[in-house]
């Protein structure tokens, strides 16, 4: 019962292993630490962020990804609460994509701050993650709702333009429902947040409907896989019911022959 009704004081680390057919054997065992939906703002301050950073760094991940809704307030008021993010450490870098809440609170003021804190802002672009002479593509796109803001909008085709199709692609996209586009473009794995796992009953059902049946955990769509985190912080009241907060440690594994 202890995980049924919780305040989001300290997220737990959730371990997930995902096999990718196109992942080179040399990259098997590579780890990705995912945080999402932190919602830095009036109810989530620097102390919470500092503790999350310590937990994430304790994982010792090769890559850290932040899949949107990092903030929930204006930069002018809450930029100082984001400062502990500068202490995040990962061998291959820290990568961020926008969520819908960044657009509600002045995304264009926040993005330069994130870059100054050492986050690589993945706005419809991809980078190579390399180790031991092998690599895969890490791509990121703007939030599903971002087309309403001038100069923003998801463009997966643009992010993947000219890629080597023999390489695995891991996509960062805030909303799980963006997986339908990812599947059409041959993405191997999409990492998302947004849902909070429902956070508080009865919102589980409403969120599941809004996201096309996708709430939390591991899903498959043909050759495309999706992992949806329940989120690291919370939105609204700092209470969860049946959906404990998480930091996700994802271990990528190469599919074994035969």
Foldseek 3Di string as FASTA:
>chain_A
DVQQKDFLQFAAEAEAEDAAALADQQQFFAKEKEFEQAAQDDVRFQVSVLRVLVVQVVVQHQEYEYQENNHQAACVPHLVRVLSLLVHDHNQFYEYEYEPRCVVHPVVVCPVSCVVSGYHYADLAWDWRDDPRGTAIEHEHYECPFVVDPPHHGDNCSHCPPHDLSGAYEYRYAALLCVVVVVVVPHQEYEYEPQLLLFAPPSNVVSCVVSVNDRAAWDDDPNHIYGYASHNADPDDSMGGRRGHYTYMYGYRYDDDD
